[in-house]
Amino acid sequence: MSLEGWMPVINDYLSLAEVIDLAFDYRGNTTIIKNDGVDIVGYIFNRNRDVPEPYIQYFDQAGNGPFKLFYSEIQNIKFTGKDTAAGSSWQAWVERKEKEKGERAAPASADSA
């Protein structure tokens, strides 16, 4: 399951802290919606909720940063970027490597026959 394209609804059943944890684990860009209405597109690479004022750290879409933003400044987070870990990319990589390994072994087998 991928979170790509998801716009969470913060409510009694889903907290902002839970959404931030999901965004931290997400392998794509997100859109951080600040309380002042500003949207920030970027990649969340760190978060710390075990401090007096919890925060996230991110790189913006252009790769600038890192920037720090307090949880108290965040209204929500949308999962807007492509989820690079979604789909069968890992399985396709494994299959390609196995095929390459087999092709390398085939000439050696032919020489010994």
C-alpha atoms as a PDB file:
ATOM      1  CA  MET A   1       0.000   0.000   0.000  1.00  0.00           C
ATOM      2  CA  SER A   2       1.275   3.438  -0.866  1.00  0.00           C
ATOM      3  CA  LEU A   3       0.362   6.751   0.712  1.00  0.00           C
ATOM      4  CA  GLU A   4       0.999   8.533  -2.589  1.00  0.00           C
ATOM      5  CA  GLY A   5      -1.751  11.086  -3.239  1.00  0.00           C
ATOM      6  CA  TRP A   6      -3.236  10.826   0.275  1.00  0.00           C
ATOM      7  CA  MET A   7      -4.583  13.925   2.026  1.00  0.00           C
ATOM      8  CA  PRO A   8      -5.032  12.898   5.678  1.00  0.00           C
ATOM      9  CA  VAL A   9      -7.871  14.242   7.767  1.00  0.00           C
ATOM     10  CA  ILE A  10      -6.583  15.202  11.208  1.00  0.00           C
ATOM     11  CA  ASN A  11      -9.278  14.305  13.751  1.00  0.00           C
ATOM     12  CA  ASP A  12      -9.904  12.322  16.940  1.00  0.00           C
ATOM     13  CA  TYR A  13      -8.729   9.130  15.197  1.00  0.00           C
ATOM     14  CA  LEU A  14      -5.635  10.453  13.412  1.00  0.00           C
ATOM     15  CA  SER A  15      -3.275  12.904  15.066  1.00  0.00           C
ATOM     16  CA  LEU A  16      -0.819  15.265  13.419  1.00  0.00           C
ATOM     17  CA  ALA A  17       2.010  13.397  15.182  1.00  0.00           C
ATOM     18  CA  GLU A  18       0.893  10.146  13.495  1.00  0.00           C
ATOM     19  CA  VAL A  19       0.754  11.851  10.087  1.00  0.00           C
ATOM     20  CA  ILE A  20       4.249  13.254  10.657  1.00  0.00           C
ATOM     21  CA  ASP A  21       5.539   9.759  11.509  1.00  0.00           C
ATOM     22  CA  LEU A  22       4.039   8.452   8.253  1.00  0.00           C
ATOM     23  CA  ALA A  23       5.533  11.373   6.311  1.00  0.00           C
ATOM     24  CA  PHE A  24       8.944  10.662   7.853  1.00  0.00           C
ATOM     25  CA  ASP A  25       8.760   7.056   6.600  1.00  0.00           C
ATOM     26  CA  TYR A  26       7.459   8.123   3.172  1.00  0.00           C
ATOM     27  CA  ARG A  27      10.036   7.928   0.395  1.00  0.00           C
ATOM     28  CA  GLY A  28       8.831  10.865  -1.627  1.00  0.00           C
ATOM     29  CA  ASN A  29       8.076  14.552  -1.391  1.00  0.00           C
ATOM     30  CA  THR A  30       5.228  15.823   0.702  1.00  0.00           C
ATOM     31  CA  THR A  31       3.370  19.106   0.858  1.00  0.00           C
ATOM     32  CA  ILE A  32       3.491  20.585   4.339  1.00  0.00           C
ATOM     33  CA  ILE A  33       0.508  22.844   4.971  1.00  0.00           C
ATOM     34  CA  LYS A  34       1.393  25.460   7.544  1.00  0.00           C
ATOM     35  CA  ASN A  35      -1.128  27.104   9.874  1.00  0.00           C
ATOM     36  CA  ASP A  36      -0.615  30.418   8.070  1.00  0.00           C
ATOM     37  CA  GLY A  37      -1.793  28.860   4.778  1.00  0.00           C
ATOM     38  CA  VAL A  38       1.662  28.544   3.177  1.00  0.00           C
ATOM     39  CA  ASP A  39       2.384  25.235   1.411  1.00  0.00           C
ATOM     40  CA  ILE A  40       5.922  23.848   1.402  1.00  0.00           C
ATOM     41  CA  VAL A  41       6.853  21.021  -0.952  1.00  0.00           C
ATOM     42  CA  GLY A  42       9.792  19.024   0.283  1.00  0.00           C
ATOM     43  CA  TYR A  43      11.264  15.839   1.692  1.00  0.00           C
ATOM     44  CA  ILE A  44      10.949  15.220   5.431  1.00  0.00           C
ATOM     45  CA  PHE A  45      14.095  13.443   6.601  1.00  0.00           C
ATOM     46  CA  ASN A  46      13.935  13.881  10.376  1.00  0.00           C
ATOM     47  CA  ARG A  47      11.493  14.531  13.182  1.00  0.00           C
ATOM     48  CA  ASN A  48      11.786  14.751  16.954  1.00  0.00           C
ATOM     49  CA  ARG A  49       8.715  14.672  19.138  1.00  0.00           C
ATOM     50  CA  ASP A  50      10.624  13.859  22.328  1.00  0.00           C
ATOM     51  CA  VAL A  51      11.670  17.457  22.969  1.00  0.00           C
ATOM     52  CA  PRO A  52       9.792  20.319  24.640  1.00  0.00           C
ATOM     53  CA  GLU A  53       8.854  21.738  21.212  1.00  0.00           C
ATOM     54  CA  PRO A  54       8.613  18.876  18.658  1.00  0.00           C
ATOM     55  CA  TYR A  55       9.865  19.617  15.131  1.00  0.00           C
ATOM     56  CA  ILE A  56      10.519  18.197  11.691  1.00  0.00           C
ATOM     57  CA  GLN A  57      13.468  18.791   9.402  1.00  0.00           C
ATOM     58  CA  TYR A  58      13.132  18.842   5.634  1.00  0.00           C
ATOM     59  CA  PHE A  59      14.756  19.769   2.354  1.00  0.00           C
ATOM     60  CA  ASP A  60      12.634  21.864   0.019  1.00  0.00           C
ATOM     61  CA  GLN A  61      11.749  20.789  -3.501  1.00  0.00           C
ATOM     62  CA  ALA A  62      14.847  22.523  -4.908  1.00  0.00           C
ATOM     63  CA  GLY A  63      17.086  20.586  -2.490  1.00  0.00           C
ATOM     64  CA  ASN A  64      17.807  23.557  -0.255  1.00  0.00           C
ATOM     65  CA  GLY A  65      18.006  23.074   3.480  1.00  0.00           C
ATOM     66  CA  PRO A  66      17.848  21.491   5.866  1.00  0.00           C
ATOM     67  CA  PHE A  67      15.029  23.542   7.340  1.00  0.00           C
ATOM     68  CA  LYS A  68      13.359  23.107  10.708  1.00  0.00           C
ATOM     69  CA  LEU A  69       9.629  23.498  11.334  1.00  0.00           C
ATOM     70  CA  PHE A  70       7.836  23.047  14.640  1.00  0.00           C
ATOM     71  CA  TYR A  71       4.816  20.741  14.880  1.00  0.00           C
ATOM     72  CA  SER A  72       2.872  23.732  16.241  1.00  0.00           C
ATOM     73  CA  GLU A  73       3.351  25.468  12.859  1.00  0.00           C
ATOM     74  CA  ILE A  74       1.946  22.546  10.840  1.00  0.00           C
ATOM     75  CA  GLN A  75      -1.722  22.130   9.994  1.00  0.00           C
ATOM     76  CA  ASN A  76      -1.420  18.993   7.853  1.00  0.00           C
ATOM     77  CA  ILE A  77       0.796  17.093   5.423  1.00  0.00           C
ATOM     78  CA  LYS A  78      -0.235  15.837   1.979  1.00  0.00           C
ATOM     79  CA  PHE A  79       1.586  12.944   0.343  1.00  0.00           C
ATOM     80  CA  THR A  80       1.975  14.592  -3.042  1.00  0.00           C
ATOM     81  CA  GLY A  81       5.285  13.306  -4.429  1.00  0.00           C
ATOM     82  CA  LYS A  82       5.926  10.017  -6.157  1.00  0.00           C
ATOM     83  CA  ASP A  83       6.476   7.228  -3.660  1.00  0.00           C
ATOM     84  CA  THR A  84       9.806   5.844  -4.841  1.00  0.00           C
ATOM     85  CA  ALA A  85       9.419   2.759  -2.639  1.00  0.00           C
ATOM     86  CA  ALA A  86       5.994   1.814  -4.015  1.00  0.00           C
ATOM     87  CA  GLY A  87       5.288  -0.895  -6.524  1.00  0.00           C
ATOM     88  CA  SER A  88       7.514  -3.694  -7.586  1.00  0.00           C
ATOM     89  CA  SER A  89      10.728  -1.767  -8.185  1.00  0.00           C
ATOM     90  CA  TRP A  90      12.601  -3.909  -5.640  1.00  0.00           C
ATOM     91  CA  GLN A  91      11.276  -7.143  -7.113  1.00  0.00           C
ATOM     92  CA  ALA A  92      12.157  -5.946 -10.644  1.00  0.00           C
ATOM     93  CA  TRP A  93      15.701  -5.133  -9.471  1.00  0.00           C
ATOM     94  CA  VAL A  94      16.117  -8.588  -7.900  1.00  0.00           C
ATOM     95  CA  GLU A  95      14.839 -10.303 -11.052  1.00  0.00           C
ATOM     96  CA  ARG A  96      17.181  -8.251 -13.271  1.00  0.00           C
ATOM     97  CA  LYS A  97      20.185  -9.092 -11.054  1.00  0.00           C
ATOM     98  CA  GLU A  98      19.301 -12.811 -11.100  1.00  0.00           C
ATOM     99  CA  LYS A  99      19.008 -12.718 -14.898  1.00  0.00           C
ATOM    100  CA  GLU A 100      22.407 -10.956 -15.202  1.00  0.00           C
ATOM    101  CA  LYS A 101      23.934 -13.517 -12.854  1.00  0.00           C
ATOM    102  CA  GLY A 102      22.525 -16.331 -14.992  1.00  0.00           C
ATOM    103  CA  GLU A 103      23.842 -14.739 -18.198  1.00  0.00           C
ATOM    104  CA  ARG A 104      27.334 -14.451 -16.711  1.00  0.00           C
ATOM    105  CA  ALA A 105      27.252 -18.110 -15.634  1.00  0.00           C
ATOM    106  CA  ALA A 106      26.001 -19.386 -19.037  1.00  0.00           C
ATOM    107  CA  PRO A 107      29.232 -18.699 -21.013  1.00  0.00           C
ATOM    108  CA  ALA A 108      31.279 -20.486 -18.361  1.00  0.00           C
ATOM    109  CA  SER A 109      29.000 -23.535 -18.638  1.00  0.00           C
ATOM    110  CA  ALA A 110      29.297 -23.521 -22.435  1.00  0.00           C
ATOM    111  CA  ASP A 111      33.115 -23.458 -22.271  1.00  0.00           C
ATOM    112  CA  SER A 112      33.315 -26.532 -20.062  1.00  0.00           C
ATOM    113  CA  ALA A 113      31.042 -28.632 -22.313  1.00  0.00           C
END
